[in-house]
Structures are given as C-alpha cells and as structure tokens.
Amino acid sequence: MNYSQFLNMMPEAFLVLWLVVVFVADFCLMKDAQKTKKLGLITMGGLICQTCLLFGAEAPMEAFGGIYVTTQMVNVMKIILTAGTLIVVIMSHTWLATNQKNSGEFFMLVLSTLLGMYMMMSSGSFLMFFLGLEMASVPMACMVAFDKNRKNSAEGAAKYILVATFSSGVMLFGISFIYAATGSLYFDNVAAALSTTPLSIMGLVFFFSGLGFKISLVPFHFWTADTYQGAPTPVTGYLSVVSKGAAALTLCIILTKVFGSMVDVWNPMLWIVIVLSITVANLFAIRQSELKRFMAFSSISQAGYIMLAVIGGDPQVGATALTFYVLVYVVANMAVFTVISSVEHNGGSTRMSAYNGLYQTNPKLALLMTLALFSLAGIPPFAGMFSKFFVFLAAVDGHNAMPFWPYFVVFVALVNTVISLYYYLLIVKAMYITKEEHPLATFSLDGSTKLSLAICTLGICLFGVASCLYEWIASAAL
C-alpha cells in the first residue's frame, strides 16, 4: 500500500490528528473551572485551522484506487459544515459549564461526527459511503444521550439509534441489489453498468429509503421530533443543520452521478417525497407548543426545500442551489437554537409559552430571534429569501419540454412558504404581542453566546446580498 496517498486526504487526516490533540488535552488538563473553556478553545482552534486548510485544498483529488474522491464542491460543503460545527462549539460553552466532567468527550464526539460526514461526502464507493455514514451516526447517538440524567435524552437517543440501525439495514439491502445488478460498489463502475432493471430499481428504492431516514424526509421522519426534544439544545442544532447538509449533498451527488441514467425513476419519487415533507411538516408544526419539537418539524420542511434543488435538469445548478441553501440554513437555524439554549439556561423552558412577552425584558434577544425566523420563512431582504429563490429556480431549470410536475411541486412549495410564515409568526407573536404578567426576567448573555449570535446574525443579513458567495459556490460546481 502506498501510504503517501493519505496526503490526498489532508482534511480528514488533520481532523484525526486534532481528535488526538483534544483527547490528550482532556487527559492532561487539570479538572478545574477553566477546563471546559480551554478544551473549547483548542477545538475551536482546530476547526479554524481546518477551514483554512480546506480553502487551500486541491481538487479534484482521489486516493486508494478511487474509494476516496473529493471535488471542489465537496470541499465547499466541508467548509460550510466545519463553520456550522464551530458555531455549535461556541454556543455549547454555557451548557457545558454545567457538565465539566464530560466536556472533553463532547468535543471528541463532535469532531468524530464531522469526520464521518467528511468521509461520506468524499466517498467514491458505496463501501466508503456506508462507513462514513456510520462514523457520523454512532457518535451522534452518544451526543443525543449526553444528558444521562434526563429521561427525554435517553429516550431520544434510543429512538435515534433504533431508527438509524433500521435505516442502515434497509440501505445495505439496497446496496446489495445494486452490487448484484452491476458487480461493483465503485460509483463510476456502477454508473457505467447500471440499467433500468427491476433489480436496480429495487436497489435504488431501498437505498433512497435508508438515506431518507438520515435526512428525515416524510415518511421517514417519525424519529425526528422525539430525538430533537430529548437531545441537549446544542446537539439538536448540530443534528438539524450539519448532519442534514452532509446527507443532502451526498444524496444529490449519488443520484446524479451514479443513478443519472435512472432519472425517470427517481425524479417522480422525489416529487412525492418533497411535497409530503413540506406539507406534512408544516401542518404538524402549527400544532406544536414545545419549541424544539416545533423546530424538528421545521427542519423536516426545510429538508424538503433542500431536495427541490435535486429535481432540476442541470446537476451543476442544483448542487449550487443546494449548497447555498445549506449555508443560509446553517446561520439561521443556529441563531434560533442559540436563543433557545440561552433562554433555557437562564430560567426559561423550551415551551413556546416561555417566550410570552420576551420583548419586554430582553428586546435584543427577541429581535435576533425574529430575524432568524424571518430568514427561515424566506422573507426579504434576509438571506433565506434568496436561498429559497435559487432552489425554486434550480427545480425547474433544464426542463426544456416544460413538464407539468416540476412546476407543480414548486407551486406546492410556494404555497407552503405562506403556511410556514404563519407558524414562524406564532413565535414572533408570543414575544411581541402576547401579554404576560410575569415574563422571563432580564438576563445578560455570556461572551460565547454573544459571539455565536453575532456570527449568525451577520450571515443572515449579508449572505443574501453578498453575490460573491453564490458565485464562489457556482464556480466550485463547474
């Protein structure tokens, strides 16, 4: 074996190295009040270095006979997800201050999950893809169960790991069909040998079903609300944003690159799943009074919007729109979860009633929450409006014959945007209009929470008007 090929996997190799650094630091640092802060700074330093390394990484690059393949678009998504992970590490400082004995384990689990997502997105074979998927899923289950003394946390982790195990089995079943139909697990070989036969169609359906669980698309979404509610709030934010972005881009790459010859099979399947995901999630979100369950159904709906980019006829336009949507979704959703975490930590709860009259006592926090919710709803001039516009455009792009169904799916998504605006405004109404005799007391934010909110708010306001970002992503897709 030529071990110099590991140099072609520098982002993954550096992440493994930093895992070892965090492990050694956790072992060597004295157990005092500053340990969590020091470990957090070490982890943040590694993620910042990782981002710089990714900016300078060469692409395309492959290693070990094509089992590892990376492109410039994959590197862009890695940068976005690394930035999202950095925000999670920053916002989790306040929560980890009460769990100092386990802070080192938390940071190692975060980095391990990110490593699995890297491997999943850079896979050139179904074998590497599955290994990366499991590398991301198993540490995530541990993070969901991190609050061992809370019943909801253990319950959410149990449901997550059971569903993850079942979906992995379904996916492996589909991969075995694909191997039987083509005789290979390498993406390029499968794409060259694949034809529309009953065996390959069954393999595609089972594979898509397994990955649909990971992205929490309807009807594979039943685990989402309970897991989001039970997990610690920073973990919920990480689960809703970073893992979803990695799985969505990977599905986009595999559908267009491997199953491109079967587009007439998987496109109708995606139409149905997208319409169900957006509509069902929006209707269930209206009924929620617990904010983390509310955001769970919001994330299911957002997953449907993300997948709109895949149904277009131009893979490059679709990949660009999907990546830009994930970029905007990272900052908007993490802003919401940072506010939820700070309210929860300062005597509130995750119930929507805890936000009644929040503007009276914490007007700045209420304003930042409103900006983030407006971006998620797609209200101009915030970045969420532009991200939705680009996925709508990508969904109908390349259909020269102007078929009915892609336009119908986009029409349903547009109608659901109005519904989503209604339920996001329920939170705004609670903060600004609902009368509360004893609203949550005024509290001050610590430095880490302020930094997290500043980064997210800056992204919400600037990403939509900074056209250079979209052009950067589009150039990577060429």
Protein backbone atom coordinates (compact mmCIF):
# COMPACT_ATOMS: atom_id res chain seq x y z
CA MET A 1 0.00 0.00 0.00
CA ASN A 2 1.24 3.48 -0.88
CA TYR A 3 0.74 5.39 2.37
CA SER A 4 1.61 8.68 0.66
CA GLN A 5 -1.96 8.65 -0.66
CA PHE A 6 -3.04 9.80 2.79
CA LEU A 7 -1.63 13.19 1.71
CA ASN A 8 -4.55 13.36 -0.72
CA MET A 9 -6.85 13.15 2.32
CA MET A 10 -5.35 16.05 4.24
CA PRO A 11 -8.65 17.44 5.65
CA GLU A 12 -9.58 14.04 7.09
CA ALA A 13 -6.02 13.37 8.28
CA PHE A 14 -5.89 16.73 10.05
CA LEU A 15 -9.23 16.08 11.72
CA VAL A 16 -7.96 12.72 13.03
CA LEU A 17 -4.83 14.47 14.32
CA TRP A 18 -6.91 17.10 16.10
CA LEU A 19 -9.06 14.39 17.67
CA VAL A 20 -5.89 13.01 19.22
CA VAL A 21 -4.90 16.53 20.37
CA VAL A 22 -8.27 17.06 22.09
CA PHE A 23 -8.05 13.59 23.67
CA VAL A 24 -4.57 14.26 25.07
CA ALA A 25 -5.60 17.73 26.27
CA ASP A 26 -8.64 16.30 28.05
CA PHE A 27 -6.41 13.73 29.73
CA CYS A 28 -3.70 16.19 30.77
CA LEU A 29 -5.59 19.33 31.77
CA MET A 30 -6.44 19.75 35.43
CA LYS A 31 -10.09 19.42 36.39
CA ASP A 32 -10.96 22.97 37.28
CA ALA A 33 -13.47 25.63 36.28
CA GLN A 34 -11.36 26.61 33.24
CA LYS A 35 -11.03 23.13 31.73
CA THR A 36 -14.15 23.39 29.58
CA LYS A 37 -13.08 26.79 28.29
CA LYS A 38 -9.58 25.56 27.43
CA LEU A 39 -10.88 22.46 25.64
CA GLY A 40 -13.36 24.61 23.76
CA LEU A 41 -10.61 26.98 22.62
CA ILE A 42 -8.47 24.04 21.47
CA THR A 43 -11.39 22.59 19.50
CA MET A 44 -12.22 25.98 18.00
CA GLY A 45 -8.59 26.46 17.01
CA GLY A 46 -8.58 23.12 15.24
CA LEU A 47 -11.80 23.90 13.36
CA ILE A 48 -10.46 27.30 12.25
CA CYS A 49 -7.24 25.67 11.02
CA GLN A 50 -9.33 23.03 9.27
CA THR A 51 -11.31 25.72 7.46
CA CYS A 52 -8.10 27.39 6.27
CA LEU A 53 -6.77 24.01 5.13
CA LEU A 54 -9.94 23.35 3.13
CA PHE A 55 -9.70 26.73 1.42
CA GLY A 56 -6.24 25.77 0.18
CA ALA A 57 -7.02 22.12 -0.61
CA GLU A 58 -6.56 20.95 -4.19
CA ALA A 59 -9.44 19.34 -6.04
CA PRO A 60 -10.35 17.03 -7.65
CA MET A 61 -8.35 14.50 -5.67
CA GLU A 62 -8.63 10.76 -5.13
CA ALA A 63 -6.91 8.06 -3.10
CA PHE A 64 -6.73 4.28 -2.77
CA GLY A 65 -7.99 3.35 -6.19
CA GLY A 66 -10.92 5.77 -6.23
CA ILE A 67 -12.59 4.70 -2.99
CA TYR A 68 -11.94 8.26 -1.77
CA VAL A 69 -12.81 11.05 -4.21
CA THR A 70 -13.20 14.73 -3.45
CA THR A 71 -14.17 17.68 -5.64
CA GLN A 72 -14.17 21.42 -5.21
CA MET A 73 -17.91 21.39 -4.46
CA VAL A 74 -17.40 18.80 -1.72
CA ASN A 75 -14.65 20.98 -0.24
CA VAL A 76 -17.02 23.96 -0.22
CA MET A 77 -19.64 21.95 1.67
CA LYS A 78 -16.95 20.78 4.10
CA ILE A 79 -16.08 24.43 4.78
CA ILE A 80 -19.74 25.25 5.43
CA LEU A 81 -20.26 22.28 7.76
CA THR A 82 -17.00 22.99 9.59
CA ALA A 83 -18.18 26.57 10.13
CA GLY A 84 -21.51 25.22 11.42
CA THR A 85 -19.66 22.92 13.80
CA LEU A 86 -17.60 25.87 15.01
CA ILE A 87 -20.81 27.74 15.87
CA VAL A 88 -22.08 24.68 17.77
CA VAL A 89 -18.84 24.52 19.78
CA ILE A 90 -19.12 28.23 20.61
CA MET A 91 -22.79 28.11 21.65
CA SER A 92 -22.32 24.95 23.74
CA HIS A 93 -19.88 26.61 26.17
CA THR A 94 -22.61 27.81 28.55
CA TRP A 95 -24.30 24.42 28.62
CA LEU A 96 -21.03 22.52 29.04
CA ALA A 97 -20.09 24.70 32.01
CA THR A 98 -22.56 22.59 33.99
CA ASN A 99 -21.10 19.33 32.56
CA GLN A 100 -17.39 19.92 33.04
CA LYS A 101 -16.58 16.29 33.69
CA ASN A 102 -17.79 15.37 30.20
CA SER A 103 -16.80 18.39 28.11
CA GLY A 104 -13.82 16.61 26.57
CA GLU A 105 -15.99 13.69 25.47
CA PHE A 106 -18.46 16.11 23.89
CA PHE A 107 -15.82 17.84 21.78
CA MET A 108 -14.38 14.49 20.67
CA LEU A 109 -17.83 13.26 19.67
CA VAL A 110 -18.43 16.44 17.66
CA LEU A 111 -15.16 16.02 15.77
CA SER A 112 -15.79 12.29 15.23
CA THR A 113 -19.19 13.01 13.71
CA LEU A 114 -17.71 15.69 11.45
CA LEU A 115 -15.04 13.22 10.31
CA GLY A 116 -17.73 10.71 9.37
CA MET A 117 -19.52 13.36 7.33
CA TYR A 118 -16.28 14.21 5.54
CA MET A 119 -15.78 10.56 4.59
CA MET A 120 -19.40 10.23 3.49
CA MET A 121 -19.24 13.23 1.15
CA SER A 122 -15.84 12.22 -0.29
CA SER A 123 -16.76 8.61 -0.93
CA GLY A 124 -16.20 7.10 -4.35
CA SER A 125 -17.66 3.75 -3.39
CA PHE A 126 -20.78 2.55 -1.60
CA LEU A 127 -18.48 0.86 0.92
CA MET A 128 -16.76 4.12 1.90
CA PHE A 129 -20.11 5.90 1.88
CA PHE A 130 -21.62 3.42 4.34
CA LEU A 131 -18.59 3.54 6.64
CA GLY A 132 -18.70 7.33 6.67
CA LEU A 133 -22.41 7.30 7.38
CA GLU A 134 -21.97 5.03 10.39
CA MET A 135 -18.96 7.04 11.61
CA ALA A 136 -21.28 10.06 11.69
CA SER A 137 -24.36 8.31 13.13
CA VAL A 138 -22.90 6.42 16.13
CA PRO A 139 -21.19 9.43 17.81
CA MET A 140 -24.34 11.46 17.13
CA ALA A 141 -26.39 8.96 19.14
CA CYS A 142 -23.96 9.39 22.03
CA MET A 143 -24.37 13.17 21.79
CA VAL A 144 -28.16 12.87 21.88
CA ALA A 145 -27.86 10.83 25.10
CA PHE A 146 -25.27 13.17 26.60
CA ASP A 147 -27.56 14.34 29.40
CA LYS A 148 -27.67 10.91 31.03
CA ASN A 149 -29.81 12.07 33.95
CA ARG A 150 -32.67 13.28 31.76
CA LYS A 151 -35.30 10.75 30.75
CA ASN A 152 -36.07 12.55 27.49
CA SER A 153 -32.43 12.46 26.45
CA ALA A 154 -32.16 8.69 26.90
CA GLU A 155 -35.49 8.17 25.15
CA GLY A 156 -34.48 10.37 22.21
CA ALA A 157 -31.16 8.57 21.85
CA ALA A 158 -32.85 5.16 21.96
CA LYS A 159 -35.25 6.14 19.19
CA TYR A 160 -32.45 7.66 17.16
CA ILE A 161 -30.18 4.61 17.36
CA LEU A 162 -33.03 2.17 16.66
CA VAL A 163 -34.16 4.09 13.59
CA ALA A 164 -30.55 4.60 12.46
CA THR A 165 -29.90 0.87 12.75
CA PHE A 166 -33.07 0.01 10.84
CA SER A 167 -32.37 2.55 8.09
CA SER A 168 -28.78 1.29 7.76
CA GLY A 169 -30.11 -2.23 7.27
CA VAL A 170 -32.56 -1.05 4.62
CA MET A 171 -29.78 0.85 2.88
CA LEU A 172 -27.42 -2.14 2.92
CA PHE A 173 -30.21 -4.23 1.45
CA GLY A 174 -30.48 -1.74 -1.41
CA ILE A 175 -26.70 -1.62 -1.91
CA SER A 176 -26.64 -5.42 -2.18
CA PHE A 177 -29.21 -5.21 -5.00
CA ILE A 178 -27.07 -2.61 -6.77
CA TYR A 179 -24.00 -4.83 -6.41
CA ALA A 180 -25.94 -7.80 -7.77
CA ALA A 181 -27.06 -5.73 -10.78
CA THR A 182 -23.66 -4.21 -11.63
CA GLY A 183 -20.97 -6.35 -9.97
CA SER A 184 -19.23 -3.35 -8.39
CA LEU A 185 -19.52 -0.91 -5.47
CA TYR A 186 -17.47 1.89 -7.08
CA PHE A 187 -19.63 4.79 -8.19
CA ASP A 188 -18.05 5.13 -11.64
CA ASN A 189 -18.33 1.40 -12.37
CA VAL A 190 -21.91 1.25 -11.14
CA ALA A 191 -22.89 4.25 -13.28
CA ALA A 192 -21.35 2.63 -16.37
CA ALA A 193 -23.02 -0.76 -15.84
CA LEU A 194 -26.39 0.35 -14.45
CA SER A 195 -29.55 -0.12 -16.46
CA THR A 196 -33.22 0.23 -15.65
CA THR A 197 -33.98 -3.31 -14.50
CA PRO A 198 -36.27 -4.47 -11.67
CA LEU A 199 -33.22 -5.38 -9.59
CA SER A 200 -31.58 -1.94 -9.94
CA ILE A 201 -34.91 -0.17 -9.31
CA MET A 202 -35.35 -2.11 -6.08
CA GLY A 203 -31.79 -1.24 -5.09
CA LEU A 204 -32.44 2.46 -5.77
CA VAL A 205 -35.70 2.46 -3.77
CA PHE A 206 -34.16 0.77 -0.72
CA PHE A 207 -31.05 2.95 -0.86
CA PHE A 208 -33.12 6.13 -1.07
CA SER A 209 -35.36 4.94 1.77
CA GLY A 210 -32.36 4.36 4.03
CA LEU A 211 -30.89 7.79 3.33
CA GLY A 212 -34.33 9.37 3.65
CA PHE A 213 -34.27 8.37 7.34
CA LYS A 214 -30.99 10.27 7.81
CA ILE A 215 -32.35 13.43 6.18
CA SER A 216 -35.72 12.96 7.97
CA LEU A 217 -37.85 13.20 4.87
CA VAL A 218 -41.51 12.20 5.09
CA PRO A 219 -42.49 9.35 5.51
CA PHE A 220 -39.15 8.50 7.18
CA HIS A 221 -39.37 11.29 9.77
CA PHE A 222 -41.06 9.73 12.81
CA TRP A 223 -37.93 9.75 14.99
CA THR A 224 -37.17 13.42 14.48
CA ALA A 225 -39.45 15.25 16.94
CA ASP A 226 -38.71 12.98 19.93
CA THR A 227 -34.97 12.99 19.28
CA TYR A 228 -34.82 16.77 18.86
CA GLN A 229 -36.80 17.29 22.06
CA GLY A 230 -34.70 14.87 24.10
CA ALA A 231 -31.26 15.94 22.93
CA PRO A 232 -29.40 18.83 24.59
CA THR A 233 -30.18 22.03 22.68
CA PRO A 234 -26.67 22.49 21.12
CA VAL A 235 -26.83 18.87 19.94
CA THR A 236 -30.28 19.47 18.46
CA GLY A 237 -28.87 22.39 16.50
CA TYR A 238 -25.97 20.26 15.28
CA LEU A 239 -28.30 17.43 14.30
CA SER A 240 -30.70 19.71 12.45
CA VAL A 241 -28.09 21.55 10.40
CA VAL A 242 -24.71 19.89 9.95
CA SER A 243 -25.74 16.26 9.52
CA LYS A 244 -28.64 17.22 7.27
CA GLY A 245 -26.41 19.25 4.97
CA ALA A 246 -23.87 16.44 4.58
CA ALA A 247 -26.54 13.81 3.85
CA ALA A 248 -28.37 16.08 1.38
CA LEU A 249 -25.26 16.83 -0.71
CA THR A 250 -24.24 13.17 -0.68
CA LEU A 251 -27.69 12.10 -1.89
CA CYS A 252 -27.54 14.75 -4.62
CA ILE A 253 -24.12 13.52 -5.78
CA ILE A 254 -25.09 9.84 -5.79
CA LEU A 255 -28.42 10.38 -7.57
CA THR A 256 -26.91 12.49 -10.34
CA LYS A 257 -23.56 10.70 -10.66
CA VAL A 258 -24.47 7.05 -10.05
CA PHE A 259 -28.18 6.87 -10.87
CA GLY A 260 -28.18 9.52 -13.60
CA SER A 261 -29.39 7.01 -16.19
CA MET A 262 -32.41 6.25 -13.98
CA VAL A 263 -33.54 9.85 -13.56
CA ASP A 264 -37.02 8.97 -14.87
CA VAL A 265 -37.34 6.54 -11.92
CA TRP A 266 -36.09 8.65 -9.01
CA ASN A 267 -37.42 12.03 -10.10
CA PRO A 268 -41.12 11.11 -9.57
CA MET A 269 -40.12 9.51 -6.28
CA LEU A 270 -38.51 12.77 -5.19
CA TRP A 271 -41.54 14.81 -6.29
CA ILE A 272 -43.79 12.82 -3.98
CA VAL A 273 -41.38 12.88 -1.03
CA ILE A 274 -40.76 16.64 -1.37
CA VAL A 275 -44.47 17.50 -1.47
CA LEU A 276 -45.17 15.25 1.53
CA SER A 277 -42.19 16.53 3.53
CA ILE A 278 -43.01 20.20 3.11
CA THR A 279 -46.78 19.87 3.54
CA VAL A 280 -46.97 17.34 6.39
CA ALA A 281 -44.20 19.02 8.37
CA ASN A 282 -45.81 22.46 8.06
CA LEU A 283 -49.21 21.17 9.19
CA PHE A 284 -47.72 19.40 12.20
CA ALA A 285 -45.55 22.41 13.11
CA ILE A 286 -48.66 24.55 13.58
CA ARG A 287 -49.85 22.19 16.33
CA GLN A 288 -46.65 22.31 18.40
CA SER A 289 -46.30 24.14 21.71
CA GLU A 290 -42.83 22.77 22.54
CA LEU A 291 -40.23 24.79 20.67
CA LYS A 292 -37.70 22.02 19.98
CA ARG A 293 -40.44 19.79 18.55
CA PHE A 294 -41.58 22.82 16.58
CA MET A 295 -38.09 23.22 15.12
CA ALA A 296 -37.98 19.49 14.39
CA PHE A 297 -40.94 19.79 12.03
CA SER A 298 -39.46 23.00 10.66
CA SER A 299 -36.27 21.08 9.82
CA ILE A 300 -38.30 18.36 8.05
CA SER A 301 -39.93 21.05 5.94
CA GLN A 302 -36.54 22.65 5.24
CA ALA A 303 -35.21 19.24 4.15
CA GLY A 304 -37.98 19.16 1.55
CA TYR A 305 -36.93 22.59 0.28
CA ILE A 306 -33.29 21.48 0.12
CA MET A 307 -34.21 18.46 -2.01
CA LEU A 308 -36.01 20.72 -4.50
CA ALA A 309 -32.57 21.53 -5.91
CA VAL A 310 -32.06 17.89 -6.91
CA ILE A 311 -35.10 17.53 -9.21
CA GLY A 312 -33.84 20.05 -11.78
CA GLY A 313 -32.36 19.05 -15.09
CA ASP A 314 -28.96 20.71 -14.54
CA PRO A 315 -26.88 18.97 -11.82
CA GLN A 316 -24.45 21.90 -11.50
CA VAL A 317 -27.21 24.45 -10.92
CA GLY A 318 -28.87 22.04 -8.47
CA ALA A 319 -25.70 21.42 -6.47
CA THR A 320 -25.00 25.16 -6.30
CA ALA A 321 -28.52 25.98 -5.07
CA LEU A 322 -28.44 23.14 -2.53
CA THR A 323 -25.09 24.20 -1.10
CA PHE A 324 -26.11 27.86 -0.86
CA TYR A 325 -29.37 26.84 0.86
CA VAL A 326 -27.42 24.82 3.44
CA LEU A 327 -25.09 27.79 4.02
CA VAL A 328 -28.01 30.11 4.77
CA TYR A 329 -29.85 27.43 6.76
CA VAL A 330 -26.80 26.92 9.00
CA VAL A 331 -26.69 30.51 10.22
CA ALA A 332 -30.48 30.98 10.53
CA ASN A 333 -31.18 27.72 12.33
CA MET A 334 -28.16 28.01 14.63
CA ALA A 335 -29.29 31.52 15.60
CA VAL A 336 -32.66 30.11 16.66
CA PHE A 337 -31.10 27.30 18.69
CA THR A 338 -28.63 29.69 20.33
CA VAL A 339 -31.58 31.78 21.55
CA ILE A 340 -33.42 28.65 22.72
CA SER A 341 -30.33 27.48 24.61
CA SER A 342 -29.77 30.85 26.29
CA VAL A 343 -33.44 31.15 27.35
CA GLU A 344 -33.38 27.58 28.67
CA HIS A 345 -30.16 28.22 30.60
CA ASN A 346 -31.49 31.41 32.20
CA GLY A 347 -34.55 30.05 33.91
CA GLY A 348 -36.87 29.57 30.95
CA SER A 349 -38.03 26.40 29.26
CA THR A 350 -38.36 25.14 25.70
CA ARG A 351 -42.11 25.65 25.66
CA MET A 352 -43.42 28.43 23.45
CA SER A 353 -45.22 29.98 26.43
CA ALA A 354 -41.80 30.80 27.94
CA TYR A 355 -41.36 33.38 25.16
CA ASN A 356 -44.52 35.31 26.01
CA GLY A 357 -43.52 38.94 26.48
CA LEU A 358 -39.82 38.26 25.87
CA TYR A 359 -39.52 41.61 24.08
CA GLN A 360 -40.45 43.44 27.29
CA THR A 361 -37.45 42.10 29.22
CA ASN A 362 -34.94 41.03 26.54
CA PRO A 363 -35.65 43.13 23.43
CA LYS A 364 -32.31 42.47 21.69
CA LEU A 365 -32.67 38.71 22.01
CA ALA A 366 -36.26 38.89 20.73
CA LEU A 367 -35.10 40.93 17.73
CA LEU A 368 -32.35 38.44 16.80
CA MET A 369 -34.82 35.57 17.13
CA THR A 370 -37.21 37.41 14.82
CA LEU A 371 -34.52 37.98 12.17
CA ALA A 372 -33.62 34.28 12.21
CA LEU A 373 -37.26 33.18 11.95
CA PHE A 374 -37.91 35.60 9.08
CA SER A 375 -34.90 34.17 7.24
CA LEU A 376 -36.17 30.60 7.74
CA ALA A 377 -39.57 31.71 6.41
CA GLY A 378 -37.98 33.30 3.33
CA ILE A 379 -38.97 36.91 3.98
CA PRO A 380 -36.94 39.54 2.09
CA PRO A 381 -34.42 41.04 2.38
CA PHE A 382 -32.90 38.29 4.52
CA ALA A 383 -30.73 35.51 3.11
CA GLY A 384 -33.46 32.86 3.41
CA MET A 385 -35.49 34.52 0.65
CA PHE A 386 -32.60 34.25 -1.82
CA SER A 387 -31.84 30.64 -0.88
CA LYS A 388 -35.46 29.64 -1.50
CA PHE A 389 -35.49 31.53 -4.79
CA PHE A 390 -32.41 29.65 -6.00
CA VAL A 391 -33.80 26.20 -5.12
CA PHE A 392 -37.09 27.05 -6.85
CA LEU A 393 -35.14 28.15 -9.90
CA ALA A 394 -32.99 25.02 -9.83
CA ALA A 395 -36.05 22.76 -9.55
CA VAL A 396 -37.44 23.91 -12.92
CA ASP A 397 -34.11 24.53 -14.64
CA GLY A 398 -33.21 22.29 -17.57
CA HIS A 399 -36.75 21.02 -18.22
CA ASN A 400 -36.89 22.20 -21.81
CA ALA A 401 -40.09 20.31 -22.56
CA MET A 402 -41.74 22.25 -19.69
CA PRO A 403 -43.32 19.22 -17.98
CA PHE A 404 -46.14 19.81 -15.53
CA TRP A 405 -44.87 18.05 -12.41
CA PRO A 406 -41.70 20.03 -11.52
CA TYR A 407 -43.71 23.25 -11.76
CA PHE A 408 -46.50 21.73 -9.68
CA VAL A 409 -44.01 20.72 -6.95
CA VAL A 410 -42.58 24.26 -6.90
CA PHE A 411 -46.13 25.68 -6.71
CA VAL A 412 -46.88 23.48 -3.68
CA ALA A 413 -43.62 24.62 -2.09
CA LEU A 414 -44.58 28.26 -2.67
CA VAL A 415 -47.98 27.75 -1.05
CA ASN A 416 -46.31 26.05 1.90
CA THR A 417 -43.98 29.03 2.28
CA VAL A 418 -47.05 31.06 3.25
CA ILE A 419 -48.06 28.36 5.78
CA SER A 420 -44.55 28.34 7.25
CA LEU A 421 -44.67 32.11 7.61
CA TYR A 422 -47.80 31.71 9.73
CA TYR A 423 -46.29 29.28 12.21
CA TYR A 424 -42.98 31.17 12.45
CA LEU A 425 -45.03 34.29 13.24
CA LEU A 426 -46.60 32.43 16.17
CA ILE A 427 -43.27 32.76 17.99
CA VAL A 428 -42.94 36.41 16.99
CA LYS A 429 -46.49 37.00 18.26
CA ALA A 430 -45.61 35.38 21.59
CA MET A 431 -42.54 37.59 22.02
CA TYR A 432 -44.07 40.92 20.96
CA ILE A 433 -47.87 40.78 21.32
CA THR A 434 -48.95 38.13 23.85
CA LYS A 435 -49.46 39.67 27.26
CA GLU A 436 -47.65 38.05 30.16
CA GLU A 437 -47.83 39.25 33.73
CA HIS A 438 -44.56 37.62 34.68
CA PRO A 439 -42.36 37.33 31.57
CA LEU A 440 -38.92 35.82 31.71
CA ALA A 441 -36.64 38.05 33.75
CA THR A 442 -33.98 40.18 32.09
CA PHE A 443 -30.67 38.35 31.80
CA SER A 444 -27.30 39.06 30.27
CA LEU A 445 -25.58 36.80 27.75
CA ASP A 446 -22.08 35.44 28.18
CA GLY A 447 -19.35 36.07 25.64
CA SER A 448 -19.69 32.76 23.78
CA THR A 449 -23.43 33.20 23.25
CA LYS A 450 -22.92 36.77 22.03
CA LEU A 451 -20.24 35.61 19.59
CA SER A 452 -22.46 32.82 18.24
CA LEU A 453 -25.40 35.20 17.76
CA ALA A 454 -23.16 37.82 16.14
CA ILE A 455 -21.82 35.33 13.57
CA CYS A 456 -25.28 34.00 12.76
CA THR A 457 -26.94 37.42 12.52
CA LEU A 458 -24.16 38.71 10.28
CA GLY A 459 -24.70 35.72 7.98
CA ILE A 460 -28.49 36.21 7.92
CA CYS A 461 -28.11 39.84 6.88
CA LEU A 462 -25.18 39.55 4.46
CA PHE A 463 -25.31 36.16 2.74
CA GLY A 464 -28.31 37.14 0.63
CA VAL A 465 -26.74 40.32 -0.75
CA ALA A 466 -23.13 39.13 -0.97
CA SER A 467 -23.31 37.74 -4.51
CA CYS A 468 -19.64 36.72 -4.37
CA LEU A 469 -20.62 33.81 -2.09
CA TYR A 470 -23.04 32.35 -4.62
CA GLU A 471 -20.53 32.88 -7.41
CA TRP A 472 -17.86 31.11 -5.33
CA ILE A 473 -20.16 28.13 -4.86
CA ALA A 474 -21.19 28.14 -8.54
CA SER A 475 -17.56 28.16 -9.69
CA ALA A 476 -16.88 25.13 -7.50
CA ALA A 477 -19.71 23.23 -9.18
CA LEU A 478 -18.20 23.61 -12.67
